[in-house]
C-alpha atoms as a PDB file:
ATOM      1  CA  MET A   1      67.058-130.446  32.499  1.00  0.00           C
ATOM      2  CA  ALA A   2      69.492-132.141  30.143  1.00  0.00           C
ATOM      3  CA  ASP A   3      69.249-131.204  26.488  1.00  0.00           C
ATOM      4  CA  GLU A   4      68.620-134.818  25.461  1.00  0.00           C
ATOM      5  CA  VAL A   5      65.700-135.068  27.885  1.00  0.00           C
ATOM      6  CA  ARG A   6      64.105-131.992  26.346  1.00  0.00           C
ATOM      7  CA  LEU A   7      64.667-133.353  22.852  1.00  0.00           C
ATOM      8  CA  ASP A   8      63.047-136.658  23.844  1.00  0.00           C
ATOM      9  CA  LEU A   9      60.019-134.767  25.156  1.00  0.00           C
ATOM     10  CA  TYR A  10      59.860-132.878  21.875  1.00  0.00           C
ATOM     11  CA  ARG A  11      60.169-136.081  19.820  1.00  0.00           C
ATOM     12  CA  THR A  12      57.309-137.686  21.728  1.00  0.00           C
ATOM     13  CA  MET A  13      55.061-134.674  21.236  1.00  0.00           C
ATOM     14  CA  VAL A  14      55.865-134.457  17.520  1.00  0.00           C
ATOM     15  CA  LEU A  15      55.178-138.165  17.020  1.00  0.00           C
ATOM     16  CA  ALA A  16      51.854-137.911  18.853  1.00  0.00           C
ATOM     17  CA  ARG A  17      50.803-134.806  16.886  1.00  0.00           C
ATOM     18  CA  THR A  18      51.859-136.350  13.581  1.00  0.00           C
ATOM     19  CA  TYR A  19      49.769-139.377  14.443  1.00  0.00           C
ATOM     20  CA  GLU A  20      46.696-137.363  15.354  1.00  0.00           C
ATOM     21  CA  LEU A  21      46.860-135.330  12.149  1.00  0.00           C
ATOM     22  CA  ALA A  22      47.203-138.500  10.080  1.00  0.00           C
ATOM     23  CA  ILE A  23      44.230-140.109  11.811  1.00  0.00           C
ATOM     24  CA  LEU A  24      42.284-136.888  11.260  1.00  0.00           C
ATOM     25  CA  ARG A  25      43.083-137.083   7.553  1.00  0.00           C
ATOM     26  CA  GLU A  26      42.069-140.743   7.238  1.00  0.00           C
ATOM     27  CA  TYR A  27      38.947-140.307   9.331  1.00  0.00           C
ATOM     28  CA  HIS A  28      37.515-137.544   7.155  1.00  0.00           C
ATOM     29  CA  ALA A  29      38.725-138.886   3.813  1.00  0.00           C
ATOM     30  CA  ASP A  30      35.541-140.814   3.048  1.00  0.00           C
ATOM     31  CA  LYS A  31      32.842-139.569   5.420  1.00  0.00           C
ATOM     32  CA  GLY A  32      30.924-137.743   2.656  1.00  0.00           C
ATOM     33  CA  PRO A  33      28.783-136.728   1.035  1.00  0.00           C
ATOM     34  CA  GLY A  34      27.784-134.777   4.091  1.00  0.00           C
ATOM     35  CA  PHE A  35      29.173-136.270   7.305  1.00  0.00           C
ATOM     36  CA  ASP A  36      28.173-139.867   7.994  1.00  0.00           C
ATOM     37  CA  ILE A  37      29.815-141.085  11.194  1.00  0.00           C
ATOM     38  CA  GLY A  38      29.263-144.708  10.204  1.00  0.00           C
ATOM     39  CA  LYS A  39      31.029-144.478   6.851  1.00  0.00           C
ATOM     40  CA  GLY A  40      34.643-144.859   5.880  1.00  0.00           C
ATOM     41  CA  LEU A  41      37.766-146.745   6.787  1.00  0.00           C
ATOM     42  CA  ILE A  42      37.478-145.486  10.385  1.00  0.00           C
ATOM     43  CA  PRO A  43      33.808-145.734  11.348  1.00  0.00           C
ATOM     44  CA  GLY A  44      32.353-144.403  14.592  1.00  0.00           C
ATOM     45  CA  GLU A  45      33.349-141.520  16.831  1.00  0.00           C
ATOM     46  CA  MET A  46      36.849-140.071  16.967  1.00  0.00           C
ATOM     47  CA  HIS A  47      38.309-138.068  19.856  1.00  0.00           C
ATOM     48  CA  LEU A  48      41.704-136.530  19.142  1.00  0.00           C
ATOM     49  CA  ALA A  49      44.153-135.271  21.755  1.00  0.00           C
ATOM     50  CA  ALA A  50      46.001-132.734  19.602  1.00  0.00           C
ATOM     51  CA  GLY A  51      47.145-129.967  21.950  1.00  0.00           C
ATOM     52  CA  GLN A  52      47.406-132.229  25.002  1.00  0.00           C
ATOM     53  CA  GLU A  53      50.710-133.864  24.073  1.00  0.00           C
ATOM     54  CA  PRO A  54      52.749-132.165  26.864  1.00  0.00           C
ATOM     55  CA  VAL A  55      50.830-134.092  29.517  1.00  0.00           C
ATOM     56  CA  ALA A  56      51.594-137.514  28.066  1.00  0.00           C
ATOM     57  CA  ALA A  57      55.180-136.697  27.152  1.00  0.00           C
ATOM     58  CA  GLY A  58      56.047-135.214  30.534  1.00  0.00           C
ATOM     59  CA  VAL A  59      54.461-137.992  32.582  1.00  0.00           C
ATOM     60  CA  CYS A  60      55.430-141.045  30.555  1.00  0.00           C
ATOM     61  CA  ALA A  61      59.072-139.972  30.275  1.00  0.00           C
ATOM     62  CA  HIS A  62      59.470-141.298  33.834  1.00  0.00           C
ATOM     63  CA  LEU A  63      57.816-144.664  33.313  1.00  0.00           C
ATOM     64  CA  VAL A  64      59.670-147.960  33.017  1.00  0.00           C
ATOM     65  CA  PRO A  65      58.675-151.401  31.681  1.00  0.00           C
ATOM     66  CA  GLY A  66      55.985-152.867  33.912  1.00  0.00           C
ATOM     67  CA  ASP A  67      54.436-149.528  34.862  1.00  0.00           C
ATOM     68  CA  ALA A  68      50.761-149.221  33.938  1.00  0.00           C
ATOM     69  CA  VAL A  69      48.698-146.459  32.339  1.00  0.00           C
ATOM     70  CA  THR A  70      44.913-146.197  32.215  1.00  0.00           C
ATOM     71  CA  ALA A  71      43.769-143.431  29.885  1.00  0.00           C
ATOM     72  CA  THR A  72      40.572-141.770  28.704  1.00  0.00           C
ATOM     73  CA  HIS A  73      38.446-141.849  25.548  1.00  0.00           C
ATOM     74  CA  ARG A  74      41.031-139.387  24.139  1.00  0.00           C
ATOM     75  CA  PRO A  75      43.969-141.785  24.480  1.00  0.00           C
ATOM     76  CA  HIS A  76      46.374-141.768  21.535  1.00  0.00           C
ATOM     77  CA  HIS A  77      48.995-139.404  22.987  1.00  0.00           C
ATOM     78  CA  PHE A  78      49.332-141.453  26.167  1.00  0.00           C
ATOM     79  CA  ALA A  79      49.392-144.725  24.230  1.00  0.00           C
ATOM     80  CA  ILE A  80      52.217-143.434  22.042  1.00  0.00           C
ATOM     81  CA  ALA A  81      54.176-141.956  24.948  1.00  0.00           C
ATOM     82  CA  HIS A  82      53.843-145.222  26.892  1.00  0.00           C
ATOM     83  CA  GLY A  83      55.092-147.365  24.028  1.00  0.00           C
ATOM     84  CA  VAL A  84      51.943-149.088  22.772  1.00  0.00           C
ATOM     85  CA  ASP A  85      52.592-150.919  19.491  1.00  0.00           C
ATOM     86  CA  LEU A  86      51.794-148.300  16.855  1.00  0.00           C
ATOM     87  CA  ASP A  87      50.958-150.781  14.091  1.00  0.00           C
ATOM     88  CA  LYS A  88      48.545-152.764  16.244  1.00  0.00           C
ATOM     89  CA  MET A  89      46.967-149.615  17.695  1.00  0.00           C
ATOM     90  CA  THR A  90      46.375-148.182  14.229  1.00  0.00           C
ATOM     91  CA  ALA A  91      44.937-151.467  12.981  1.00  0.00           C
ATOM     92  CA  GLU A  92      42.553-151.443  15.941  1.00  0.00           C
ATOM     93  CA  ILE A  93      41.414-147.910  15.096  1.00  0.00           C
ATOM     94  CA  PHE A  94      40.756-149.088  11.535  1.00  0.00           C
ATOM     95  CA  GLY A  95      38.836-152.103  12.869  1.00  0.00           C
ATOM     96  CA  ARG A  96      41.253-154.706  11.516  1.00  0.00           C
ATOM     97  CA  GLU A  97      41.972-158.257  12.641  1.00  0.00           C
ATOM     98  CA  THR A  98      45.613-157.377  13.382  1.00  0.00           C
ATOM     99  CA  GLY A  99      44.569-154.745  15.926  1.00  0.00           C
ATOM    100  CA  LEU A 100      45.135-154.815  19.663  1.00  0.00           C
ATOM    101  CA  GLY A 101      41.588-156.093  20.169  1.00  0.00           C
ATOM    102  CA  ARG A 102      41.331-157.815  16.773  1.00  0.00           C
ATOM    103  CA  GLY A 103      39.315-154.861  15.532  1.00  0.00           C
ATOM    104  CA  ARG A 104      36.545-155.256  18.102  1.00  0.00           C
ATOM    105  CA  GLY A 105      37.345-152.339  20.408  1.00  0.00           C
ATOM    106  CA  GLY A 106      38.101-149.313  18.285  1.00  0.00           C
ATOM    107  CA  HIS A 107      39.972-146.211  19.311  1.00  0.00           C
ATOM    108  CA  MET A 108      38.262-145.675  22.699  1.00  0.00           C
ATOM    109  CA  HIS A 109      38.911-149.208  23.948  1.00  0.00           C
ATOM    110  CA  LEU A 110      42.583-149.840  23.313  1.00  0.00           C
ATOM    111  CA  PHE A 111      44.122-152.589  25.425  1.00  0.00           C
ATOM    112  CA  ASP A 112      47.777-153.585  25.266  1.00  0.00           C
ATOM    113  CA  PRO A 113      48.812-156.024  28.016  1.00  0.00           C
ATOM    114  CA  ASP A 114      52.427-155.941  26.840  1.00  0.00           C
ATOM    115  CA  ALA A 115      52.653-152.205  27.529  1.00  0.00           C
ATOM    116  CA  HIS A 116      50.231-152.306  30.494  1.00  0.00           C
ATOM    117  CA  PHE A 117      47.981-149.795  28.747  1.00  0.00           C
ATOM    118  CA  SER A 118      44.210-149.506  28.608  1.00  0.00           C
ATOM    119  CA  CYS A 119      41.568-146.844  28.038  1.00  0.00           C
ATOM    120  CA  SER A 120      37.799-146.560  28.073  1.00  0.00           C
ATOM    121  CA  GLY A 121      34.910-144.498  26.746  1.00  0.00           C
ATOM    122  CA  ILE A 122      33.369-144.415  30.236  1.00  0.00           C
ATOM    123  CA  ILE A 123      34.143-141.235  32.166  1.00  0.00           C
ATOM    124  CA  ALA A 124      36.594-141.757  35.069  1.00  0.00           C
ATOM    125  CA  GLU A 125      36.554-145.525  34.415  1.00  0.00           C
ATOM    126  CA  GLY A 126      40.336-145.774  34.399  1.00  0.00           C
ATOM    127  CA  TYR A 127      40.827-144.687  38.006  1.00  0.00           C
ATOM    128  CA  PRO A 128      39.551-147.825  39.831  1.00  0.00           C
ATOM    129  CA  PRO A 129      41.488-150.295  37.606  1.00  0.00           C
ATOM    130  CA  ALA A 130      44.637-148.295  38.259  1.00  0.00           C
ATOM    131  CA  LEU A 131      44.136-148.961  41.966  1.00  0.00           C
ATOM    132  CA  GLY A 132      44.033-152.684  41.273  1.00  0.00           C
ATOM    133  CA  GLN A 133      47.265-152.472  39.320  1.00  0.00           C
ATOM    134  CA  ALA A 134      48.929-150.361  41.997  1.00  0.00           C
ATOM    135  CA  PHE A 135      47.736-152.766  44.713  1.00  0.00           C
ATOM    136  CA  ALA A 136      49.296-155.682  42.819  1.00  0.00           C
ATOM    137  CA  PHE A 137      52.561-153.797  42.359  1.00  0.00           C
ATOM    138  CA  LYS A 138      52.698-153.032  46.076  1.00  0.00           C
ATOM    139  CA  ARG A 139      51.972-156.616  47.086  1.00  0.00           C
ATOM    140  CA  ARG A 140      54.639-157.927  44.733  1.00  0.00           C
ATOM    141  CA  GLY A 141      57.183-155.311  45.775  1.00  0.00           C
ATOM    142  CA  SER A 142      57.990-154.749  42.110  1.00  0.00           C
ATOM    143  CA  GLY A 143      58.630-151.014  42.402  1.00  0.00           C
ATOM    144  CA  ASN A 144      56.236-150.343  39.532  1.00  0.00           C
ATOM    145  CA  ILE A 145      53.576-147.650  39.616  1.00  0.00           C
ATOM    146  CA  ALA A 146      50.247-146.984  37.932  1.00  0.00           C
ATOM    147  CA  VAL A 147      49.234-143.759  36.210  1.00  0.00           C
ATOM    148  CA  ALA A 148      45.509-143.010  36.023  1.00  0.00           C
ATOM    149  CA  VAL A 149      44.468-140.287  33.582  1.00  0.00           C
ATOM    150  CA  THR A 150      41.160-138.467  33.300  1.00  0.00           C
ATOM    151  CA  GLY A 151      39.765-135.115  32.253  1.00  0.00           C
ATOM    152  CA  GLU A 152      38.703-132.221  34.469  1.00  0.00           C
ATOM    153  CA  GLY A 153      35.014-133.018  33.941  1.00  0.00           C
ATOM    154  CA  ALA A 154      35.513-136.561  35.242  1.00  0.00           C
ATOM    155  CA  ALA A 155      36.957-135.166  38.462  1.00  0.00           C
ATOM    156  CA  ASN A 156      33.343-134.616  39.534  1.00  0.00           C
ATOM    157  CA  GLN A 157      32.546-138.328  39.209  1.00  0.00           C
ATOM    158  CA  GLY A 158      32.260-140.596  42.221  1.00  0.00           C
ATOM    159  CA  ALA A 159      34.931-142.917  40.849  1.00  0.00           C
ATOM    160  CA  PHE A 160      37.449-140.085  41.029  1.00  0.00           C
ATOM    161  CA  HIS A 161      36.848-139.380  44.715  1.00  0.00           C
ATOM    162  CA  GLU A 162      36.505-143.013  45.761  1.00  0.00           C
ATOM    163  CA  SER A 163      39.780-143.838  44.029  1.00  0.00           C
ATOM    164  CA  LEU A 164      41.701-140.987  45.653  1.00  0.00           C
ATOM    165  CA  ASN A 165      40.369-141.978  49.053  1.00  0.00           C
ATOM    166  CA  LEU A 166      41.216-145.672  48.786  1.00  0.00           C
ATOM    167  CA  ALA A 167      44.633-145.034  47.250  1.00  0.00           C
ATOM    168  CA  ALA A 168      45.418-142.712  50.164  1.00  0.00           C
ATOM    169  CA  VAL A 169      44.179-145.208  52.770  1.00  0.00           C
ATOM    170  CA  TRP A 170      46.315-148.004  51.317  1.00  0.00           C
ATOM    171  CA  LYS A 171      49.242-145.764  50.278  1.00  0.00           C
ATOM    172  CA  LEU A 172      49.178-147.181  46.776  1.00  0.00           C
ATOM    173  CA  PRO A 173      51.859-146.356  44.191  1.00  0.00           C
ATOM    174  CA  VAL A 174      49.659-144.432  41.782  1.00  0.00           C
ATOM    175  CA  LEU A 175      49.822-141.031  40.129  1.00  0.00           C
ATOM    176  CA  PHE A 176      46.442-139.497  39.344  1.00  0.00           C
ATOM    177  CA  VAL A 177      46.572-137.162  36.353  1.00  0.00           C
ATOM    178  CA  VAL A 178      43.865-134.673  35.381  1.00  0.00           C
ATOM    179  CA  GLU A 179      44.013-133.154  31.903  1.00  0.00           C
ATOM    180  CA  ASP A 180      42.187-129.843  32.222  1.00  0.00           C
ATOM    181  CA  ASN A 181      41.382-128.720  28.691  1.00  0.00           C
ATOM    182  CA  GLU A 182      38.660-126.449  30.143  1.00  0.00           C
ATOM    183  CA  TRP A 183      35.773-128.166  28.347  1.00  0.00           C
ATOM    184  CA  GLY A 184      33.783-131.167  29.538  1.00  0.00           C
ATOM    185  CA  ILE A 185      32.294-131.857  26.107  1.00  0.00           C
ATOM    186  CA  SER A 186      30.638-128.417  25.741  1.00  0.00           C
ATOM    187  CA  VAL A 187      30.533-127.356  29.405  1.00  0.00           C
ATOM    188  CA  PRO A 188      33.253-125.008  30.720  1.00  0.00           C
ATOM    189  CA  ARG A 189      35.025-126.062  33.897  1.00  0.00           C
ATOM    190  CA  THR A 190      33.908-122.885  35.667  1.00  0.00           C
ATOM    191  CA  ALA A 191      30.256-123.893  35.195  1.00  0.00           C
ATOM    192  CA  SER A 192      30.643-127.417  36.538  1.00  0.00           C
ATOM    193  CA  THR A 193      33.398-127.450  39.163  1.00  0.00           C
ATOM    194  CA  ALA A 194      33.283-125.679  42.518  1.00  0.00           C
ATOM    195  CA  VAL A 195      37.046-125.268  42.942  1.00  0.00           C
ATOM    196  CA  PRO A 196      39.436-123.389  40.626  1.00  0.00           C
ATOM    197  CA  SER A 197      41.842-126.335  40.512  1.00  0.00           C
ATOM    198  CA  ASN A 198      41.187-130.034  40.940  1.00  0.00           C
ATOM    199  CA  ALA A 199      44.667-130.295  42.426  1.00  0.00           C
ATOM    200  CA  ASP A 200      43.221-128.571  45.511  1.00  0.00           C
ATOM    201  CA  ARG A 201      41.038-131.630  46.083  1.00  0.00           C
ATOM    202  CA  ALA A 202      44.089-133.726  46.944  1.00  0.00           C
ATOM    203  CA  ALA A 203      44.245-132.074  50.380  1.00  0.00           C
ATOM    204  CA  GLY A 204      40.874-133.606  51.235  1.00  0.00           C
ATOM    205  CA  TYR A 205      42.457-137.041  51.000  1.00  0.00           C
ATOM    206  CA  GLY A 206      45.743-136.177  52.685  1.00  0.00           C
ATOM    207  CA  ILE A 207      47.859-136.531  49.551  1.00  0.00           C
ATOM    208  CA  PRO A 208      50.003-134.040  47.596  1.00  0.00           C
ATOM    209  CA  GLY A 209      48.409-132.145  44.738  1.00  0.00           C
ATOM    210  CA  HIS A 210      49.851-129.767  42.165  1.00  0.00           C
ATOM    211  CA  ARG A 211      48.593-127.894  39.114  1.00  0.00           C
ATOM    212  CA  VAL A 212      50.863-127.146  36.155  1.00  0.00           C
ATOM    213  CA  GLU A 213      49.843-124.058  34.222  1.00  0.00           C
ATOM    214  CA  ASP A 214      50.263-123.123  30.573  1.00  0.00           C
ATOM    215  CA  ASN A 215      50.604-126.649  29.124  1.00  0.00           C
ATOM    216  CA  ASP A 216      54.298-126.541  30.021  1.00  0.00           C
ATOM    217  CA  VAL A 217      55.968-129.882  29.207  1.00  0.00           C
ATOM    218  CA  ASP A 218      59.112-129.075  31.218  1.00  0.00           C
ATOM    219  CA  ALA A 219      57.027-128.335  34.299  1.00  0.00           C
ATOM    220  CA  VAL A 220      54.958-131.491  33.775  1.00  0.00           C
ATOM    221  CA  TYR A 221      58.139-133.527  33.481  1.00  0.00           C
ATOM    222  CA  GLU A 222      59.623-132.121  36.663  1.00  0.00           C
ATOM    223  CA  LYS A 223      56.544-132.459  38.877  1.00  0.00           C
ATOM    224  CA  ALA A 224      55.538-135.844  37.497  1.00  0.00           C
ATOM    225  CA  GLY A 225      59.044-137.083  38.178  1.00  0.00           C
ATOM    226  CA  GLU A 226      58.845-135.917  41.777  1.00  0.00           C
ATOM    227  CA  PHE A 227      55.466-137.587  42.360  1.00  0.00           C
ATOM    228  CA  ILE A 228      56.426-140.815  40.572  1.00  0.00           C
ATOM    229  CA  GLU A 229      59.631-141.225  42.557  1.00  0.00           C
ATOM    230  CA  ARG A 230      57.638-140.576  45.723  1.00  0.00           C
ATOM    231  CA  ALA A 231      55.236-143.371  44.780  1.00  0.00           C
ATOM    232  CA  ARG A 232      58.100-145.766  44.012  1.00  0.00           C
ATOM    233  CA  ARG A 233      59.511-145.099  47.478  1.00  0.00           C
ATOM    234  CA  GLY A 234      56.259-146.357  48.984  1.00  0.00           C
ATOM    235  CA  GLU A 235      55.001-142.943  50.085  1.00  0.00           C
ATOM    236  CA  GLY A 236      51.642-143.242  48.341  1.00  0.00           C
ATOM    237  CA  PRO A 237      49.641-141.468  45.669  1.00  0.00           C
ATOM    238  CA  ALA A 238      49.617-137.896  44.398  1.00  0.00           C
ATOM    239  CA  LEU A 239      47.400-135.815  42.122  1.00  0.00           C
ATOM    240  CA  LEU A 240      48.763-133.819  39.183  1.00  0.00           C
ATOM    241  CA  GLU A 241      46.511-131.512  37.163  1.00  0.00           C
ATOM    242  CA  VAL A 242      47.744-129.910  33.952  1.00  0.00           C
ATOM    243  CA  ALA A 243      46.131-126.894  32.312  1.00  0.00           C
ATOM    244  CA  THR A 244      46.245-128.120  28.738  1.00  0.00           C
ATOM    245  CA  LEU A 245      44.535-127.362  25.428  1.00  0.00           C
ATOM    246  CA  ARG A 246      42.114-129.175  23.140  1.00  0.00           C
ATOM    247  CA  LEU A 247      42.908-127.949  19.634  1.00  0.00           C
ATOM    248  CA  PHE A 248      39.956-129.715  17.997  1.00  0.00           C
ATOM    249  CA  GLY A 249      36.383-130.507  18.994  1.00  0.00           C
ATOM    250  CA  HIS A 250      35.223-132.924  21.639  1.00  0.00           C
ATOM    251  CA  PHE A 251      34.755-135.347  18.764  1.00  0.00           C
ATOM    252  CA  GLU A 252      35.253-135.084  15.021  1.00  0.00           C
ATOM    253  CA  GLY A 253      32.176-133.396  13.591  1.00  0.00           C
ATOM    254  CA  ASP A 254      31.787-131.143  16.650  1.00  0.00           C
ATOM    255  CA  ALA A 255      31.045-127.627  15.323  1.00  0.00           C
ATOM    256  CA  GLN A 256      32.310-126.107  18.612  1.00  0.00           C
ATOM    257  CA  GLY A 257      29.830-123.247  18.584  1.00  0.00           C
ATOM    258  CA  TYR A 258      30.119-123.169  22.371  1.00  0.00           C
ATOM    259  CA  ARG A 259      33.812-122.071  22.281  1.00  0.00           C
ATOM    260  CA  PRO A 260      34.177-118.286  22.146  1.00  0.00           C
ATOM    261  CA  GLU A 261      37.977-118.528  22.288  1.00  0.00           C
ATOM    262  CA  LEU A 262      38.482-120.613  19.128  1.00  0.00           C
ATOM    263  CA  VAL A 263      40.169-117.789  17.221  1.00  0.00           C
ATOM    264  CA  ASP A 264      42.952-117.703  19.852  1.00  0.00           C
ATOM    265  CA  VAL A 265      43.502-121.466  20.079  1.00  0.00           C
ATOM    266  CA  PRO A 266      46.180-121.958  17.356  1.00  0.00           C
ATOM    267  CA  LYS A 267      48.598-119.477  18.909  1.00  0.00           C
ATOM    268  CA  LEU A 268      48.369-121.370  22.211  1.00  0.00           C
ATOM    269  CA  ASP A 269      49.617-124.606  20.647  1.00  0.00           C
ATOM    270  CA  ALA A 270      52.364-125.984  22.894  1.00  0.00           C
ATOM    271  CA  ILE A 271      54.494-127.634  20.213  1.00  0.00           C
ATOM    272  CA  PRO A 272      55.557-124.557  18.187  1.00  0.00           C
ATOM    273  CA  ARG A 273      56.031-122.671  21.442  1.00  0.00           C
ATOM    274  CA  TYR A 274      58.324-125.428  22.738  1.00  0.00           C
ATOM    275  CA  GLU A 275      60.180-125.474  19.434  1.00  0.00           C
ATOM    276  CA  SER A 276      60.927-121.775  19.848  1.00  0.00           C
ATOM    277  CA  ARG A 277      62.216-122.321  23.376  1.00  0.00           C
ATOM    278  CA  LEU A 278      64.488-125.164  22.273  1.00  0.00           C
ATOM    279  CA  ILE A 279      65.829-123.164  19.334  1.00  0.00           C
ATOM    280  CA  GLU A 280      66.491-120.161  21.572  1.00  0.00           C
ATOM    281  CA  ALA A 281      68.333-122.435  24.013  1.00  0.00           C
ATOM    282  CA  GLY A 282      70.450-123.902  21.213  1.00  0.00           C
ATOM    283  CA  VAL A 283      69.002-127.387  21.710  1.00  0.00           C
ATOM    284  CA  LEU A 284      67.173-127.549  18.371  1.00  0.00           C
ATOM    285  CA  ASP A 285      67.888-126.202  14.898  1.00  0.00           C
ATOM    286  CA  ASP A 286      66.050-126.375  11.589  1.00  0.00           C
ATOM    287  CA  ALA A 287      67.931-129.439  10.367  1.00  0.00           C
ATOM    288  CA  LEU A 288      67.186-131.461  13.494  1.00  0.00           C
ATOM    289  CA  ARG A 289      63.597-130.272  13.546  1.00  0.00           C
ATOM    290  CA  GLN A 290      63.156-131.504   9.976  1.00  0.00           C
ATOM    291  CA  GLU A 291      64.815-134.813  10.812  1.00  0.00           C
ATOM    292  CA  ILE A 292      62.480-135.390  13.765  1.00  0.00           C
ATOM    293  CA  ALA A 293      59.428-134.448  11.712  1.00  0.00           C
ATOM    294  CA  GLU A 294      60.383-136.778   8.854  1.00  0.00           C
ATOM    295  CA  ALA A 295      61.073-139.697  11.197  1.00  0.00           C
ATOM    296  CA  ALA A 296      57.687-139.225  12.865  1.00  0.00           C
ATOM    297  CA  SER A 297      55.896-139.029   9.522  1.00  0.00           C
ATOM    298  CA  GLU A 298      57.630-142.148   8.220  1.00  0.00           C
ATOM    299  CA  ARG A 299      56.701-144.142  11.319  1.00  0.00           C
ATOM    300  CA  VAL A 300      53.084-142.980  11.304  1.00  0.00           C
ATOM    301  CA  GLU A 301      52.536-143.588   7.593  1.00  0.00           C
ATOM    302  CA  ALA A 302      53.996-147.088   7.953  1.00  0.00           C
ATOM    303  CA  ALA A 303      51.470-147.821  10.714  1.00  0.00           C
ATOM    304  CA  ILE A 304      48.591-146.550   8.573  1.00  0.00           C
ATOM    305  CA  THR A 305      49.746-148.668   5.633  1.00  0.00           C
ATOM    306  CA  PHE A 306      49.934-151.700   7.937  1.00  0.00           C
ATOM    307  CA  ALA A 307      46.374-151.058   9.086  1.00  0.00           C
ATOM    308  CA  LYS A 308      44.971-150.587   5.597  1.00  0.00           C
ATOM    309  CA  ASP A 309      46.694-153.740   4.368  1.00  0.00           C
ATOM    310  CA  SER A 310      45.335-155.826   7.258  1.00  0.00           C
ATOM    311  CA  PRO A 311      42.172-157.933   6.901  1.00  0.00           C
ATOM    312  CA  LEU A 312      38.822-157.016   8.358  1.00  0.00           C
ATOM    313  CA  PRO A 313      37.384-159.448  10.929  1.00  0.00           C
ATOM    314  CA  SER A 314      35.203-162.137   9.412  1.00  0.00           C
ATOM    315  CA  ALA A 315      31.472-161.713   9.908  1.00  0.00           C
ATOM    316  CA  ASP A 316      31.360-165.413  10.816  1.00  0.00           C
ATOM    317  CA  GLU A 317      33.399-164.610  13.925  1.00  0.00           C
ATOM    318  CA  ALA A 318      31.356-161.629  15.122  1.00  0.00           C
ATOM    319  CA  THR A 319      30.810-163.193  18.558  1.00  0.00           C
ATOM    320  CA  LYS A 320      34.301-164.580  18.954  1.00  0.00           C
ATOM    321  CA  TYR A 321      36.255-163.182  21.926  1.00  0.00           C
ATOM    322  CA  VAL A 322      32.963-162.044  23.473  1.00  0.00           C
ATOM    323  CA  PHE A 323      32.018-165.228  25.308  1.00  0.00           C
ATOM    324  CA  THR A 324      34.180-167.863  26.933  1.00  0.00           C
ATOM    325  CA  GLU A 325      34.703-170.814  24.649  1.00  0.00           C
ATOM    326  CA  GLU A 326      34.939-174.340  25.991  1.00  0.00           C
ATOM    327  CA  ALA A 327      38.087-176.215  25.091  1.00  0.00           C
END
């Protein structure tokens, strides 16, 4: 891999992590006394993807304008890697009128038609829409592909299996991605899934499947590139599972008493490990690392300022954009 490619992967991961940590800070800033999920500048649930950045960075590095991504309820890393407008996304998370959904959707229901990005709080919901996008791309002959992302727990849903089957039958240009962070909310994968790797399930639908171990962004990049180019050539779908890591709880406020391995989690963080590899290879030094970190922080803080300075939706328009309005 070229040095610049590896640096771009690193930049994407740092930007996504910087964003997640900033949202974490803002989310908890005014939830007290105690923890009231309805209080604060960011009301409601919050699911952060810190630790899973290698998946988004490695996959989205191969995408081009017009390609589509459907993500999960833990979506920020994929949104950032796919080029969703950071100001509008942040405003949406803060429930502001300038947001992607004018503040009506929140962080689990981001929708950016310009970037062809969407996500949902419904488990495995993104797989069927990705088929529709891939079907349209194939009919148009555009050469674009769809990426459908879900977690390892959702791989036991009917939508997962129905989507793999239909995509295989129609040879649709779609890459199915499974982020295996080992925990379906509080249930370990070994207690809910009959096979050691969801990538093995691809064989049942006659499509290629591969599992990347150890949250390795270089390996994700290489295999995703192979599968995406295959899809662009008209050879159909593939399934990529990545053994990744959830640094935080299923949602903010999750005490995580079900995780016996929590003490070991920080040392498994992929970003400092990748930093060490890049430094050892002579690709990164302290000055460049600081430059990348400062640029990410500046961009993220500007997006948060934009969101805070944006107006809240008017209560008089609570039902606007919900029902069709006659001209």
